[in-house]
Amino acid sequence: VLACITYTNVLEHLVTHFREQRRLFDDTIYDLRIGTYHDRLVTVSPTQTLSQALELMHAHNLGALPVVDPETHKILGVYSRSDITFLTRATDAEDAVANLDLQLQDILRQQRTDVTTPDALHTCSTTHTLQAIFEYFAQLRFNRLYVVNTNENDRLVGVVSARDLVAYFLS
């Protein structure tokens, strides 16, 4: 393998070299419907188990799931496939299987808090423009942004992935 090109790499190229009409960059990502919103959004609660989260991720072909407070719908964290904290505590295979019963709230407490990882929790609001999202991406190189509605106490309403942004520009 000489190279591995990811959606993040393609998006980085687009951010650097692609020049779209300025008016489109002034539209919000919510108005442009870039990403997944409302009833199509797959979330988990902090009391769900790792096993349940992994099943949902597999069923919906997702790389990460937002962990959301069931009452306020505020995002509390993100569990992603790249998060292997449950394995680091296992002493053997039986222990690893037992860790599948851990609640996500316990796993989130063990997560790395390094905001430079592509799967770290990053949010934006429904009012962020495509230009602002591009600038944000250029700084942080995220895999996905979670969209919150600031008019509804930061209620989670959507997710925009690097793949969604690439697909938007290629369509």
Protein backbone atom coordinates (compact mmCIF):
# COMPACT_ATOMS: atom_id res chain seq x y z
CA VAL A 1 0.00 0.00 0.00
CA LEU A 2 1.49 3.29 -1.08
CA ALA A 3 -1.14 5.56 0.40
CA CYS A 4 -4.51 5.55 2.09
CA ILE A 5 -6.83 8.32 1.00
CA THR A 6 -9.67 9.12 3.37
CA TYR A 7 -12.67 11.42 3.18
CA THR A 8 -10.72 13.68 5.50
CA ASN A 9 -7.86 13.88 2.97
CA VAL A 10 -10.26 14.67 0.13
CA LEU A 11 -12.03 17.30 2.22
CA GLU A 12 -8.71 18.88 3.15
CA HIS A 13 -7.92 19.17 -0.56
CA LEU A 14 -11.32 20.73 -1.25
CA VAL A 15 -10.90 23.20 1.61
CA THR A 16 -7.53 24.25 0.22
CA HIS A 17 -8.22 24.29 -3.53
CA PHE A 18 -11.94 24.34 -4.33
CA ARG A 19 -13.53 27.69 -5.03
CA GLU A 20 -17.32 27.58 -4.99
CA GLN A 21 -19.58 30.52 -5.61
CA ARG A 22 -19.39 32.78 -2.58
CA ARG A 23 -23.15 32.91 -2.03
CA LEU A 24 -23.29 29.16 -1.43
CA PHE A 25 -20.56 29.40 1.21
CA ASP A 26 -22.77 31.92 3.03
CA ASP A 27 -25.63 29.42 3.42
CA THR A 28 -25.84 27.42 6.62
CA ILE A 29 -25.09 23.72 6.58
CA TYR A 30 -28.53 23.19 8.11
CA ASP A 31 -30.24 25.06 5.25
CA LEU A 32 -28.11 23.20 2.70
CA ARG A 33 -29.08 19.94 4.45
CA ILE A 34 -25.52 18.70 4.51
CA GLY A 35 -25.48 15.80 6.98
CA THR A 36 -28.08 13.77 8.84
CA TYR A 37 -30.82 15.46 10.86
CA HIS A 38 -33.67 14.87 13.32
CA ASP A 39 -35.42 11.49 13.03
CA ARG A 40 -32.65 10.01 10.84
CA LEU A 41 -30.07 10.73 13.56
CA VAL A 42 -28.99 7.62 15.50
CA THR A 43 -28.08 8.29 19.15
CA VAL A 44 -27.53 6.36 22.37
CA SER A 45 -28.18 7.23 26.00
CA PRO A 46 -25.44 7.14 28.64
CA THR A 47 -27.04 4.13 30.35
CA GLN A 48 -26.94 1.93 27.25
CA THR A 49 -24.22 -0.70 27.15
CA LEU A 50 -21.21 -0.92 24.91
CA SER A 51 -22.73 -4.03 23.36
CA GLN A 52 -25.91 -2.12 22.45
CA ALA A 53 -23.87 0.75 20.98
CA LEU A 54 -21.76 -1.62 18.87
CA GLU A 55 -24.90 -3.35 17.58
CA LEU A 56 -26.38 0.03 16.53
CA MET A 57 -23.13 1.07 14.87
CA HIS A 58 -23.07 -2.18 12.91
CA ALA A 59 -26.76 -2.04 11.95
CA HIS A 60 -26.48 1.55 10.66
CA ASN A 61 -22.91 1.30 9.31
CA LEU A 62 -21.70 4.12 11.56
CA GLY A 63 -18.22 4.90 12.79
CA ALA A 64 -19.44 6.77 15.88
CA LEU A 65 -22.53 7.45 17.96
CA PRO A 66 -23.42 10.58 19.91
CA VAL A 67 -24.23 9.87 23.55
CA VAL A 68 -27.22 12.07 24.37
CA ASP A 69 -29.07 12.93 27.57
CA PRO A 70 -32.53 11.37 27.03
CA GLU A 71 -34.34 14.26 28.75
CA THR A 72 -32.54 17.35 27.41
CA HIS A 73 -31.22 15.85 24.15
CA LYS A 74 -27.87 17.54 24.84
CA ILE A 75 -24.82 15.71 23.58
CA LEU A 76 -22.68 14.34 26.40
CA GLY A 77 -19.97 12.66 24.38
CA VAL A 78 -19.18 10.41 21.45
CA TYR A 79 -18.40 6.73 21.31
CA SER A 80 -16.46 5.77 18.17
CA ARG A 81 -15.02 2.59 16.71
CA SER A 82 -11.56 3.94 17.33
CA ASP A 83 -12.26 4.15 21.07
CA ILE A 84 -10.84 0.97 22.54
CA THR A 85 -10.84 1.91 26.21
CA PHE A 86 -12.86 -1.16 27.14
CA LEU A 87 -10.05 -3.39 25.87
CA THR A 88 -7.30 -1.67 27.83
CA ARG A 89 -8.85 -2.70 31.13
CA ALA A 90 -9.35 -6.33 30.12
CA THR A 91 -6.95 -8.87 31.61
CA ASP A 92 -8.08 -11.72 29.34
CA ALA A 93 -10.70 -12.59 26.70
CA GLU A 94 -13.36 -13.32 29.30
CA ASP A 95 -12.79 -9.93 30.89
CA ALA A 96 -13.01 -8.23 27.47
CA VAL A 97 -16.38 -9.86 26.83
CA ALA A 98 -17.59 -8.77 30.28
CA ASN A 99 -16.64 -5.18 29.40
CA LEU A 100 -19.28 -5.25 26.68
CA ASP A 101 -21.80 -4.82 29.52
CA LEU A 102 -20.24 -1.52 30.62
CA GLN A 103 -22.53 1.48 30.34
CA LEU A 104 -21.44 4.18 27.93
CA GLN A 105 -21.33 6.77 30.71
CA ASP A 106 -18.57 4.69 32.37
CA ILE A 107 -16.68 4.35 29.10
CA LEU A 108 -16.91 8.09 28.41
CA ARG A 109 -15.25 8.78 31.76
CA GLN A 110 -12.24 6.72 30.61
CA GLN A 111 -11.89 8.30 27.17
CA ARG A 112 -8.92 10.33 26.10
CA THR A 113 -9.69 14.01 26.20
CA ASP A 114 -7.25 14.89 23.43
CA VAL A 115 -9.20 17.23 21.14
CA THR A 116 -6.76 16.67 18.28
CA THR A 117 -8.05 13.17 17.56
CA PRO A 118 -10.36 13.02 14.52
CA ASP A 119 -13.13 11.38 16.55
CA ALA A 120 -13.14 13.94 19.37
CA LEU A 121 -16.44 15.70 20.12
CA HIS A 122 -16.77 18.86 18.05
CA THR A 123 -20.01 20.81 17.73
CA CYS A 124 -21.40 23.57 15.61
CA SER A 125 -24.77 25.30 15.54
CA THR A 126 -27.52 25.23 12.94
CA THR A 127 -26.49 28.79 12.04
CA HIS A 128 -22.90 27.97 11.05
CA THR A 129 -22.23 28.67 7.39
CA LEU A 130 -20.47 26.31 5.03
CA GLN A 131 -17.54 28.75 5.09
CA ALA A 132 -17.34 28.55 8.90
CA ILE A 133 -17.44 24.75 8.77
CA PHE A 134 -14.59 24.73 6.22
CA GLU A 135 -12.53 27.01 8.46
CA TYR A 136 -13.30 24.83 11.46
CA PHE A 137 -12.28 21.74 9.52
CA ALA A 138 -9.02 23.34 8.38
CA GLN A 139 -8.15 23.93 12.06
CA LEU A 140 -9.25 20.63 13.60
CA ARG A 141 -9.46 18.00 10.82
CA PHE A 142 -12.50 16.35 12.44
CA ASN A 143 -14.29 13.23 11.22
CA ARG A 144 -17.69 14.65 12.13
CA LEU A 145 -19.37 17.69 13.65
CA TYR A 146 -22.44 17.42 15.82
CA VAL A 147 -25.04 20.09 15.06
CA VAL A 148 -26.85 21.68 18.00
CA ASN A 149 -29.73 24.12 18.02
CA THR A 150 -28.70 27.02 20.23
CA ASN A 151 -32.31 28.27 20.27
CA GLU A 152 -33.32 25.00 21.99
CA ASN A 153 -30.71 24.87 24.79
CA ASP A 154 -28.09 23.16 22.58
CA ARG A 155 -30.35 20.25 21.68
CA LEU A 156 -28.60 17.83 19.29
CA VAL A 157 -30.32 17.98 15.90
CA GLY A 158 -27.80 16.52 13.46
CA VAL A 159 -24.37 15.33 12.47
CA VAL A 160 -22.17 16.36 9.55
CA SER A 161 -19.33 14.04 8.58
CA ALA A 162 -16.31 14.66 6.39
CA ARG A 163 -17.93 12.19 3.98
CA ASP A 164 -21.12 14.32 3.89
CA LEU A 165 -19.10 17.42 2.99
CA VAL A 166 -17.18 15.59 0.26
CA ALA A 167 -20.43 14.13 -1.14
CA TYR A 168 -21.99 17.60 -1.22
CA PHE A 169 -19.18 18.96 -3.37
CA LEU A 170 -19.05 15.94 -5.66
CA SER A 171 -22.80 15.90 -6.33
